[in-house]
C-alpha atoms as a PDB file:
ATOM      1  CA  MET A   1      92.145 116.473 102.367  1.00  0.00           C
ATOM      2  CA  PRO A   2      88.485 116.259 101.307  1.00  0.00           C
ATOM      3  CA  GLU A   3      87.756 117.224  97.726  1.00  0.00           C
ATOM      4  CA  ALA A   4      84.984 116.735  95.209  1.00  0.00           C
ATOM      5  CA  ALA A   5      85.318 113.278  93.687  1.00  0.00           C
ATOM      6  CA  ASP A   6      83.709 111.233  90.933  1.00  0.00           C
ATOM      7  CA  LEU A   7      83.224 107.756  92.435  1.00  0.00           C
ATOM      8  CA  LYS A   8      83.004 106.069  89.041  1.00  0.00           C
ATOM      9  CA  ARG A   9      86.343 107.485  87.962  1.00  0.00           C
ATOM     10  CA  LEU A  10      88.056 107.091  91.328  1.00  0.00           C
ATOM     11  CA  ILE A  11      87.065 103.443  91.803  1.00  0.00           C
ATOM     12  CA  GLY A  12      87.577 102.699  88.113  1.00  0.00           C
ATOM     13  CA  ASP A  13      91.194 103.807  88.488  1.00  0.00           C
ATOM     14  CA  MET A  14      91.555 101.148  91.213  1.00  0.00           C
ATOM     15  CA  ARG A  15      90.413  98.271  89.000  1.00  0.00           C
ATOM     16  CA  GLU A  16      93.869  96.874  88.281  1.00  0.00           C
ATOM     17  CA  LEU A  17      94.835  97.056  91.952  1.00  0.00           C
ATOM     18  CA  LEU A  18      91.610  95.349  93.020  1.00  0.00           C
ATOM     19  CA  ASN A  19      92.077  92.586  90.450  1.00  0.00           C
ATOM     20  CA  ARG A  20      95.610  91.924  91.685  1.00  0.00           C
ATOM     21  CA  SER A  21      94.396  91.790  95.289  1.00  0.00           C
ATOM     22  CA  LEU A  22      91.862  89.045  94.538  1.00  0.00           C
ATOM     23  CA  ARG A  23      92.295  85.402  93.602  1.00  0.00           C
ATOM     24  CA  GLY A  24      91.649  83.888  90.200  1.00  0.00           C
ATOM     25  CA  ASP A  25      88.471  82.187  91.436  1.00  0.00           C
ATOM     26  CA  MET A  26      86.817  85.540  92.125  1.00  0.00           C
ATOM     27  CA  GLN A  27      84.907  87.988  89.957  1.00  0.00           C
ATOM     28  CA  ILE A  28      84.563  91.687  90.529  1.00  0.00           C
ATOM     29  CA  GLU A  29      81.778  93.623  88.841  1.00  0.00           C
ATOM     30  CA  SER A  30      80.910  97.293  89.071  1.00  0.00           C
ATOM     31  CA  PHE A  31      77.709  99.201  88.329  1.00  0.00           C
ATOM     32  CA  PHE A  32      77.565 102.996  88.451  1.00  0.00           C
ATOM     33  CA  ALA A  33      74.418 105.001  87.814  1.00  0.00           C
ATOM     34  CA  GLU A  34      74.331 107.435  84.933  1.00  0.00           C
ATOM     35  CA  CYS A  35      74.897 111.061  85.987  1.00  0.00           C
ATOM     36  CA  LEU A  36      76.203 109.938  89.389  1.00  0.00           C
ATOM     37  CA  TRP A  37      76.561 112.902  91.734  1.00  0.00           C
ATOM     38  CA  PRO A  38      80.019 113.858  93.012  1.00  0.00           C
ATOM     39  CA  VAL A  39      80.806 113.526  96.713  1.00  0.00           C
ATOM     40  CA  GLU A  40      83.294 115.411  98.875  1.00  0.00           C
ATOM     41  CA  VAL A  41      85.711 112.928 100.431  1.00  0.00           C
ATOM     42  CA  ASP A  42      89.397 112.320 101.015  1.00  0.00           C
ATOM     43  CA  PRO A  43      90.255 110.261  97.894  1.00  0.00           C
ATOM     44  CA  GLY A  44      93.101 108.401  99.575  1.00  0.00           C
ATOM     45  CA  GLU A  45      90.908 107.338 102.483  1.00  0.00           C
ATOM     46  CA  LEU A  46      88.134 106.240 100.132  1.00  0.00           C
ATOM     47  CA  GLU A  47      90.570 104.096  98.154  1.00  0.00           C
ATOM     48  CA  LEU A  48      91.750 102.417 101.363  1.00  0.00           C
ATOM     49  CA  VAL A  49      88.164 101.799 102.476  1.00  0.00           C
ATOM     50  CA  VAL A  50      87.223 100.205  99.145  1.00  0.00           C
ATOM     51  CA  LEU A  51      90.393  98.105  99.090  1.00  0.00           C
ATOM     52  CA  ASN A  52      89.955  96.888 102.665  1.00  0.00           C
ATOM     53  CA  LEU A  53      86.298  96.032 102.100  1.00  0.00           C
ATOM     54  CA  ALA A  54      87.290  94.106  98.961  1.00  0.00           C
ATOM     55  CA  LEU A  55      89.929  92.225 100.982  1.00  0.00           C
ATOM     56  CA  ASN A  56      87.323  91.445 103.655  1.00  0.00           C
ATOM     57  CA  ALA A  57      85.069  90.096 100.902  1.00  0.00           C
ATOM     58  CA  ARG A  58      87.905  88.013  99.481  1.00  0.00           C
ATOM     59  CA  ASP A  59      88.558  86.439 102.876  1.00  0.00           C
ATOM     60  CA  ALA A  60      84.834  85.685 103.252  1.00  0.00           C
ATOM     61  CA  MET A  61      84.866  83.671  99.999  1.00  0.00           C
ATOM     62  CA  PRO A  62      87.433  80.891 100.566  1.00  0.00           C
ATOM     63  CA  THR A  63      86.090  78.874  97.606  1.00  0.00           C
ATOM     64  CA  GLY A  64      85.625  81.844  95.275  1.00  0.00           C
ATOM     65  CA  GLY A  65      82.693  84.059  94.446  1.00  0.00           C
ATOM     66  CA  LYS A  66      81.700  87.508  93.268  1.00  0.00           C
ATOM     67  CA  ILE A  67      82.189  91.034  94.556  1.00  0.00           C
ATOM     68  CA  GLU A  68      79.908  93.787  93.306  1.00  0.00           C
ATOM     69  CA  ILE A  69      80.676  97.492  93.650  1.00  0.00           C
ATOM     70  CA  ARG A  70      77.625  99.659  92.956  1.00  0.00           C
ATOM     71  CA  ALA A  71      76.849 103.356  93.260  1.00  0.00           C
ATOM     72  CA  GLN A  72      73.593 105.244  92.815  1.00  0.00           C
ATOM     73  CA  ASN A  73      72.035 108.600  93.644  1.00  0.00           C
ATOM     74  CA  CYS A  74      69.625 108.742  96.581  1.00  0.00           C
ATOM     75  CA  PRO A  75      67.735 112.038  96.378  1.00  0.00           C
ATOM     76  CA  ALA A  76      65.891 113.630  99.298  1.00  0.00           C
ATOM     77  CA  LEU A  77      66.526 110.878 101.812  1.00  0.00           C
ATOM     78  CA  ALA A  78      64.664 111.142 105.098  1.00  0.00           C
ATOM     79  CA  ASP A  79      65.649 107.990 106.927  1.00  0.00           C
ATOM     80  CA  HIS A  80      66.695 108.114 110.593  1.00  0.00           C
ATOM     81  CA  ASP A  81      70.065 109.935 110.507  1.00  0.00           C
ATOM     82  CA  LEU A  82      70.023 110.572 106.731  1.00  0.00           C
ATOM     83  CA  HIS A  83      68.434 113.795 105.505  1.00  0.00           C
ATOM     84  CA  GLY A  84      69.144 115.242 102.069  1.00  0.00           C
ATOM     85  CA  ASP A  85      70.785 114.125  98.829  1.00  0.00           C
ATOM     86  CA  PHE A  86      73.231 111.227  99.164  1.00  0.00           C
ATOM     87  CA  VAL A  87      75.221 108.868  96.979  1.00  0.00           C
ATOM     88  CA  ARG A  88      75.032 105.234  98.044  1.00  0.00           C
ATOM     89  CA  LEU A  89      78.164 103.138  97.491  1.00  0.00           C
ATOM     90  CA  ASP A  90      77.667  99.381  97.970  1.00  0.00           C
ATOM     91  CA  ILE A  91      80.328  96.682  98.284  1.00  0.00           C
ATOM     92  CA  ALA A  92      78.618  93.281  98.265  1.00  0.00           C
ATOM     93  CA  ASP A  93      80.004  89.751  98.325  1.00  0.00           C
ATOM     94  CA  SER A  94      78.635  86.241  97.976  1.00  0.00           C
ATOM     95  CA  GLY A  95      80.643  84.936 100.913  1.00  0.00           C
ATOM     96  CA  VAL A  96      79.960  83.114 104.136  1.00  0.00           C
ATOM     97  CA  GLY A  97      78.226  86.052 105.799  1.00  0.00           C
ATOM     98  CA  MET A  98      78.103  86.913 109.494  1.00  0.00           C
ATOM     99  CA  SER A  99      76.100  85.637 112.412  1.00  0.00           C
ATOM    100  CA  PRO A 100      74.040  88.163 114.399  1.00  0.00           C
ATOM    101  CA  GLU A 101      76.613  87.914 117.209  1.00  0.00           C
ATOM    102  CA  VAL A 102      79.503  88.814 114.898  1.00  0.00           C
ATOM    103  CA  LEU A 103      77.474  91.499 113.134  1.00  0.00           C
ATOM    104  CA  ALA A 104      76.826  93.227 116.469  1.00  0.00           C
ATOM    105  CA  HIS A 105      80.589  93.849 116.847  1.00  0.00           C
ATOM    106  CA  ALA A 106      81.418  94.454 113.185  1.00  0.00           C
ATOM    107  CA  PHE A 107      82.340  98.139 113.531  1.00  0.00           C
ATOM    108  CA  GLU A 108      84.515  97.734 116.620  1.00  0.00           C
ATOM    109  CA  PRO A 109      88.210  98.477 115.930  1.00  0.00           C
ATOM    110  CA  PHE A 110      90.377  95.336 115.813  1.00  0.00           C
ATOM    111  CA  PHE A 111      87.397  93.018 116.180  1.00  0.00           C
ATOM    112  CA  THR A 112      88.028  90.155 113.756  1.00  0.00           C
ATOM    113  CA  THR A 113      87.205  86.498 113.275  1.00  0.00           C
ATOM    114  CA  LYS A 114      90.371  85.978 111.215  1.00  0.00           C
ATOM    115  CA  GLU A 115      93.317  83.980 112.445  1.00  0.00           C
ATOM    116  CA  VAL A 116      96.318  85.853 113.851  1.00  0.00           C
ATOM    117  CA  GLY A 117      98.369  87.270 110.997  1.00  0.00           C
ATOM    118  CA  SER A 118      95.469  87.151 108.530  1.00  0.00           C
ATOM    119  CA  GLY A 119      94.307  90.751 108.848  1.00  0.00           C
ATOM    120  CA  SER A 120      93.916  93.633 111.256  1.00  0.00           C
ATOM    121  CA  GLY A 121      90.130  93.676 111.628  1.00  0.00           C
ATOM    122  CA  LEU A 122      90.116  97.387 110.820  1.00  0.00           C
ATOM    123  CA  GLY A 123      88.185  97.281 107.517  1.00  0.00           C
ATOM    124  CA  LEU A 124      84.648  97.908 108.783  1.00  0.00           C
ATOM    125  CA  ALA A 125      85.747 100.206 111.613  1.00  0.00           C
ATOM    126  CA  GLN A 126      87.718 102.219 109.067  1.00  0.00           C
ATOM    127  CA  ALA A 127      84.662 102.424 106.790  1.00  0.00           C
ATOM    128  CA  HIS A 128      82.572 103.645 109.731  1.00  0.00           C
ATOM    129  CA  GLY A 129      85.098 106.345 110.641  1.00  0.00           C
ATOM    130  CA  PHE A 130      85.479 107.430 107.022  1.00  0.00           C
ATOM    131  CA  ALA A 131      81.722 107.727 106.448  1.00  0.00           C
ATOM    132  CA  LYS A 132      81.224 109.705 109.656  1.00  0.00           C
ATOM    133  CA  ALA A 133      84.108 112.073 108.840  1.00  0.00           C
ATOM    134  CA  SER A 134      82.600 112.599 105.373  1.00  0.00           C
ATOM    135  CA  GLY A 135      79.216 113.556 106.808  1.00  0.00           C
ATOM    136  CA  GLY A 136      77.589 110.224 105.999  1.00  0.00           C
ATOM    137  CA  VAL A 137      76.930 106.832 107.512  1.00  0.00           C
ATOM    138  CA  VAL A 138      77.737 103.205 106.820  1.00  0.00           C
ATOM    139  CA  ARG A 139      75.310 100.320 107.125  1.00  0.00           C
ATOM    140  CA  ILE A 140      75.832  96.594 106.903  1.00  0.00           C
ATOM    141  CA  ALA A 141      73.544  93.682 106.137  1.00  0.00           C
ATOM    142  CA  SER A 142      74.692  90.090 106.460  1.00  0.00           C
ATOM    143  CA  SER A 143      73.561  86.619 107.481  1.00  0.00           C
ATOM    144  CA  PRO A 144      75.251  83.216 107.468  1.00  0.00           C
ATOM    145  CA  GLY A 145      75.569  81.797 103.971  1.00  0.00           C
ATOM    146  CA  GLN A 146      74.009  84.883 102.364  1.00  0.00           C
ATOM    147  CA  GLY A 147      77.024  87.123 101.909  1.00  0.00           C
ATOM    148  CA  THR A 148      77.579  90.656 103.171  1.00  0.00           C
ATOM    149  CA  LEU A 149      76.483  94.064 101.904  1.00  0.00           C
ATOM    150  CA  VAL A 150      78.286  97.191 103.144  1.00  0.00           C
ATOM    151  CA  SER A 151      76.632 100.469 102.129  1.00  0.00           C
ATOM    152  CA  LEU A 152      78.258 103.870 102.468  1.00  0.00           C
ATOM    153  CA  PHE A 153      75.909 106.865 102.247  1.00  0.00           C
ATOM    154  CA  LEU A 154      77.933 109.955 101.318  1.00  0.00           C
ATOM    155  CA  PRO A 155      76.454 113.455 100.993  1.00  0.00           C
ATOM    156  CA  ARG A 156      76.164 114.912  97.531  1.00  0.00           C
ATOM    157  CA  THR A 157      78.356 117.926  96.775  1.00  0.00           C
ATOM    158  CA  LEU A 158      77.652 120.654  94.240  1.00  0.00           C
ATOM    159  CA  LYS A 159      81.362 121.151  93.641  1.00  0.00           C
ATOM    160  CA  SER A 160      82.940 119.857  90.426  1.00  0.00           C
ATOM    161  CA  PRO A 161      85.615 117.131  90.706  1.00  0.00           C
ATOM    162  CA  ALA A 162      89.187 118.017  89.814  1.00  0.00           C
ATOM    163  CA  TYR A 163      90.885 115.229  87.916  1.00  0.00           C
ATOM    164  CA  LEU A 164      94.436 113.996  88.322  1.00  0.00           C
ATOM    165  CA  PRO A 165      96.019 111.960  85.512  1.00  0.00           C
ATOM    166  CA  GLN A 166      96.222 108.241  86.217  1.00  0.00           C
ATOM    167  CA  LEU A 167      99.772 107.327  87.073  1.00  0.00           C
ATOM    168  CA  ASN A 168      99.495 103.998  85.271  1.00  0.00           C
ATOM    169  CA  SER A 169      98.249 105.634  82.070  1.00  0.00           C
ATOM    170  CA  PRO A 170     100.416 106.979  79.217  1.00  0.00           C
ATOM    171  CA  ALA A 171      99.624 110.539  80.309  1.00  0.00           C
ATOM    172  CA  GLY A 172     100.530 109.803  83.907  1.00  0.00           C
ATOM    173  CA  ASN A 173     103.767 107.906  83.341  1.00  0.00           C
ATOM    174  CA  GLY A 174     105.565 111.165  82.718  1.00  0.00           C
ATOM    175  CA  ASN A 175     105.044 111.951  86.406  1.00  0.00           C
ATOM    176  CA  ALA A 176     106.654 108.751  87.683  1.00  0.00           C
ATOM    177  CA  VAL A 177     109.971 109.337  89.418  1.00  0.00           C
ATOM    178  CA  GLY A 178     111.652 105.892  89.124  1.00  0.00           C
ATOM    179  CA  ALA A 179     113.932 104.188  88.643  1.00  0.00           C
ATOM    180  CA  GLY A 180     115.608 102.834  91.721  1.00  0.00           C
ATOM    181  CA  GLN A 181     115.261 100.278  94.493  1.00  0.00           C
ATOM    182  CA  VAL A 182     112.953 100.949  97.439  1.00  0.00           C
ATOM    183  CA  LEU A 183     113.264  98.857 100.592  1.00  0.00           C
ATOM    184  CA  VAL A 184     109.703  98.619 101.972  1.00  0.00           C
ATOM    185  CA  VAL A 185     109.491  97.914 105.711  1.00  0.00           C
ATOM    186  CA  GLU A 186     105.939  96.837 106.611  1.00  0.00           C
ATOM    187  CA  ASP A 187     104.742  93.975 108.827  1.00  0.00           C
ATOM    188  CA  ASP A 188     101.119  93.819 107.579  1.00  0.00           C
ATOM    189  CA  ASP A 189     100.923  91.666 104.438  1.00  0.00           C
ATOM    190  CA  GLU A 190      97.846  93.404 103.028  1.00  0.00           C
ATOM    191  CA  VAL A 191      99.225  96.910 103.548  1.00  0.00           C
ATOM    192  CA  ALA A 192     102.567  95.796 102.118  1.00  0.00           C
ATOM    193  CA  ALA A 193     100.911  94.456  98.973  1.00  0.00           C
ATOM    194  CA  LEU A 194      99.138  97.772  98.394  1.00  0.00           C
ATOM    195  CA  THR A 195     102.289  99.785  99.094  1.00  0.00           C
ATOM    196  CA  VAL A 196     104.468  97.692  96.801  1.00  0.00           C
ATOM    197  CA  GLU A 197     101.907  97.951  94.007  1.00  0.00           C
ATOM    198  CA  MET A 198     101.808 101.747  94.300  1.00  0.00           C
ATOM    199  CA  ILE A 199     105.599 102.000  94.289  1.00  0.00           C
ATOM    200  CA  HIS A 200     105.816  99.753  91.219  1.00  0.00           C
ATOM    201  CA  GLN A 201     103.387 102.053  89.432  1.00  0.00           C
ATOM    202  CA  LEU A 202     105.811 104.883  90.167  1.00  0.00           C
ATOM    203  CA  GLY A 203     108.593 103.093  88.301  1.00  0.00           C
ATOM    204  CA  TYR A 204     110.614 101.711  91.210  1.00  0.00           C
ATOM    205  CA  ASP A 205     111.684  98.175  92.036  1.00  0.00           C
ATOM    206  CA  THR A 206     111.037  96.990  95.576  1.00  0.00           C
ATOM    207  CA  THR A 207     112.295  94.660  98.251  1.00  0.00           C
ATOM    208  CA  ARG A 208     109.944  94.095 101.177  1.00  0.00           C
ATOM    209  CA  VAL A 209     110.884  93.129 104.735  1.00  0.00           C
ATOM    210  CA  ALA A 210     108.627  92.858 107.782  1.00  0.00           C
ATOM    211  CA  SER A 211     110.681  94.429 110.579  1.00  0.00           C
ATOM    212  CA  ALA A 212     113.295  97.060 111.356  1.00  0.00           C
ATOM    213  CA  GLU A 213     115.786  94.331 112.216  1.00  0.00           C
ATOM    214  CA  ALA A 214     115.277  92.712 108.805  1.00  0.00           C
ATOM    215  CA  ALA A 215     115.734  96.096 107.134  1.00  0.00           C
ATOM    216  CA  LEU A 216     119.079  96.603 108.860  1.00  0.00           C
ATOM    217  CA  GLY A 217     120.061  93.098 107.778  1.00  0.00           C
ATOM    218  CA  ALA A 218     119.241  93.910 104.157  1.00  0.00           C
ATOM    219  CA  ILE A 219     121.363  97.035 104.333  1.00  0.00           C
ATOM    220  CA  ALA A 220     124.211  95.217 106.064  1.00  0.00           C
ATOM    221  CA  ASP A 221     124.520  92.593 103.327  1.00  0.00           C
ATOM    222  CA  ARG A 222     125.290  95.409 100.843  1.00  0.00           C
ATOM    223  CA  ARG A 223     122.014  95.001  98.967  1.00  0.00           C
ATOM    224  CA  ALA A 224     121.373  97.799  96.469  1.00  0.00           C
ATOM    225  CA  VAL A 225     118.928 100.214  98.117  1.00  0.00           C
ATOM    226  CA  ASP A 226     118.141 103.777  97.016  1.00  0.00           C
ATOM    227  CA  ILE A 227     115.353 104.641  99.485  1.00  0.00           C
ATOM    228  CA  VAL A 228     113.996 103.036 102.651  1.00  0.00           C
ATOM    229  CA  PHE A 229     110.208 103.427 103.063  1.00  0.00           C
ATOM    230  CA  SER A 230     109.056 102.271 106.487  1.00  0.00           C
ATOM    231  CA  ASP A 231     105.979 102.272 108.663  1.00  0.00           C
ATOM    232  CA  VAL A 232     106.544 103.827 112.089  1.00  0.00           C
ATOM    233  CA  MET A 233     104.640 101.240 114.136  1.00  0.00           C
ATOM    234  CA  MET A 234     106.131  97.757 113.845  1.00  0.00           C
ATOM    235  CA  PRO A 235     106.635  94.689 116.025  1.00  0.00           C
ATOM    236  CA  GLY A 236     110.050  94.041 117.515  1.00  0.00           C
ATOM    237  CA  ARG A 237     112.556  96.061 119.501  1.00  0.00           C
ATOM    238  CA  MET A 238     112.784  98.961 117.059  1.00  0.00           C
ATOM    239  CA  ASN A 239     110.139 101.208 115.537  1.00  0.00           C
ATOM    240  CA  GLY A 240     110.399 103.181 112.316  1.00  0.00           C
ATOM    241  CA  VAL A 241     111.785 106.336 113.933  1.00  0.00           C
ATOM    242  CA  GLU A 242     114.530 104.335 115.633  1.00  0.00           C
ATOM    243  CA  LEU A 243     115.213 102.540 112.340  1.00  0.00           C
ATOM    244  CA  ALA A 244     115.656 105.875 110.567  1.00  0.00           C
ATOM    245  CA  GLN A 245     118.074 107.037 113.250  1.00  0.00           C
ATOM    246  CA  GLU A 246     120.097 103.833 113.022  1.00  0.00           C
ATOM    247  CA  ILE A 247     120.253 104.026 109.226  1.00  0.00           C
ATOM    248  CA  ARG A 248     121.439 107.637 109.512  1.00  0.00           C
ATOM    249  CA  ARG A 249     124.250 106.422 111.772  1.00  0.00           C
ATOM    250  CA  ARG A 250     125.254 103.505 109.535  1.00  0.00           C
ATOM    251  CA  ARG A 251     124.601 104.954 106.086  1.00  0.00           C
ATOM    252  CA  PRO A 252     124.075 108.719 106.307  1.00  0.00           C
ATOM    253  CA  ASN A 253     123.639 109.056 102.536  1.00  0.00           C
ATOM    254  CA  LEU A 254     120.687 106.641 102.349  1.00  0.00           C
ATOM    255  CA  PRO A 255     117.337 108.507 102.322  1.00  0.00           C
ATOM    256  CA  VAL A 256     114.560 107.260 104.601  1.00  0.00           C
ATOM    257  CA  LEU A 257     110.858 108.064 104.295  1.00  0.00           C
ATOM    258  CA  LEU A 258     108.499 107.076 107.109  1.00  0.00           C
ATOM    259  CA  THR A 259     104.724 106.808 107.153  1.00  0.00           C
ATOM    260  CA  SER A 260     102.246 106.848 110.027  1.00  0.00           C
ATOM    261  CA  GLY A 261      98.638 107.554 110.865  1.00  0.00           C
ATOM    262  CA  TYR A 262     100.054 109.630 113.730  1.00  0.00           C
ATOM    263  CA  ALA A 263     102.617 111.707 111.884  1.00  0.00           C
ATOM    264  CA  GLU A 264     102.886 114.551 114.400  1.00  0.00           C
ATOM    265  CA  ALA A 265     103.451 112.156 117.296  1.00  0.00           C
ATOM    266  CA  ALA A 266     106.171 110.413 115.286  1.00  0.00           C
ATOM    267  CA  ARG A 267     107.884 113.742 114.633  1.00  0.00           C
ATOM    268  CA  ARG A 268     107.812 114.567 118.328  1.00  0.00           C
ATOM    269  CA  ASN A 269     109.320 111.183 119.157  1.00  0.00           C
ATOM    270  CA  ALA A 270     112.164 111.898 116.733  1.00  0.00           C
ATOM    271  CA  GLY A 271     113.289 114.782 118.934  1.00  0.00           C
ATOM    272  CA  ALA A 272     115.684 117.294 117.437  1.00  0.00           C
ATOM    273  CA  GLN A 273     116.690 115.052 114.555  1.00  0.00           C
ATOM    274  CA  PRO A 274     114.873 115.868 111.296  1.00  0.00           C
ATOM    275  CA  ILE A 275     112.555 113.180 110.018  1.00  0.00           C
ATOM    276  CA  LYS A 276     110.778 112.779 106.683  1.00  0.00           C
ATOM    277  CA  ILE A 277     107.270 111.407 107.111  1.00  0.00           C
ATOM    278  CA  ILE A 278     104.150 111.096 104.969  1.00  0.00           C
ATOM    279  CA  PRO A 279     100.857 110.859 106.892  1.00  0.00           C
ATOM    280  CA  LYS A 280      98.490 107.932 106.328  1.00  0.00           C
ATOM    281  CA  PRO A 281      96.399 107.582 104.321  1.00  0.00           C
ATOM    282  CA  TYR A 282      98.208 108.931 101.261  1.00  0.00           C
ATOM    283  CA  ARG A 283      97.404 109.008  97.575  1.00  0.00           C
ATOM    284  CA  ILE A 284      99.797 107.672  94.977  1.00  0.00           C
ATOM    285  CA  ASP A 285     100.675 111.176  93.760  1.00  0.00           C
ATOM    286  CA  GLU A 286     101.522 112.196  97.342  1.00  0.00           C
ATOM    287  CA  LEU A 287     103.753 109.137  97.715  1.00  0.00           C
ATOM    288  CA  ARG A 288     105.427 109.950  94.391  1.00  0.00           C
ATOM    289  CA  ASP A 289     106.241 113.476  95.542  1.00  0.00           C
ATOM    290  CA  ALA A 290     107.447 112.350  98.980  1.00  0.00           C
ATOM    291  CA  LEU A 291     109.804 109.709  97.540  1.00  0.00           C
ATOM    292  CA  ALA A 292     111.166 112.220  95.039  1.00  0.00           C
ATOM    293  CA  ALA A 293     111.711 114.803  97.780  1.00  0.00           C
ATOM    294  CA  VAL A 294     113.689 112.533 100.131  1.00  0.00           C
ATOM    295  CA  ARG A 295     115.791 111.323  97.225  1.00  0.00           C
ATOM    296  CA  GLN A 296     116.525 114.849  96.061  1.00  0.00           C
ATOM    297  CA  ASP A 297     117.425 116.018  99.570  1.00  0.00           C
ATOM    298  CA  ALA A 298     119.823 113.141 100.231  1.00  0.00           C
ATOM    299  CA  PRO A 299     123.526 113.884  99.835  1.00  0.00           C
ATOM    300  CA  GLU A 300     125.439 111.957  97.200  1.00  0.00           C
ATOM    301  CA  PRO A 301     126.137 109.138  96.783  1.00  0.00           C
ATOM    302  CA  LEU A 302     122.716 107.511  97.030  1.00  0.00           C
ATOM    303  CA  ARG A 303     124.119 104.006  96.849  1.00  0.00           C
ATOM    304  CA  GLU A 304     127.167 102.391  98.406  1.00  0.00           C
ATOM    305  CA  HIS A 305     129.300 100.056  96.294  1.00  0.00           C
END
């Protein structure tokens, strides 16, 4: 849900996650203007956009380099489709850049120059959709050997941001629901890395597998699992809804939480059987609450011995 947000605080809270997502031969620097205006955005979607753009930048710098995240106020803009007060958020890299031919397709969903298995190609398309939904625009500048600059222009809001405690801070740790073992079922390596990091911040241990079949194998070998957290859309013969139904048949006491960008469609596909699902994108506090809820609702025992 959109809400007033302080970009400096929101992106600053992501610093540890961004550092872990990059390689040791990369630098990340941030510059935020004094008295930066708040913007009204979905914080979870913004975090995913920033993370995916940082991952795009990482992949564009195979020998290392620098990523800069900058934000500044842009008052009284009157530039093509921009009219009014905006905040400009830049993510720039010193990578290989794009040719004019690639740049012309940059915002198309699933367009990518990466090898199969190296990314979804959704980063720039996601940024475009996010900016448009937030009442802004996204622009990109790039050329071969000169790096890439992605600029999000987001409308200023006069509302005041409401702050949530950081879950990885001393004040926020009291909200973590661990401990326990979460089996994460996700085929995309980048999404899995983000998901596992969030779950670790909540106090859980994790095991990650890349398919429903692998998840059933992990359960079958009597591995200690307290919660299964699975994407709905996955490669293979079985999707997340079918996995949840099979787990219910094999181990009815094991709670399952699903996630999808199409939550209502997933619920309809589940038919009459109840299904626990958290819509994408989700914030870490929403994931915390959803994991706690499925665990609380599960009948005892939570773990087979």
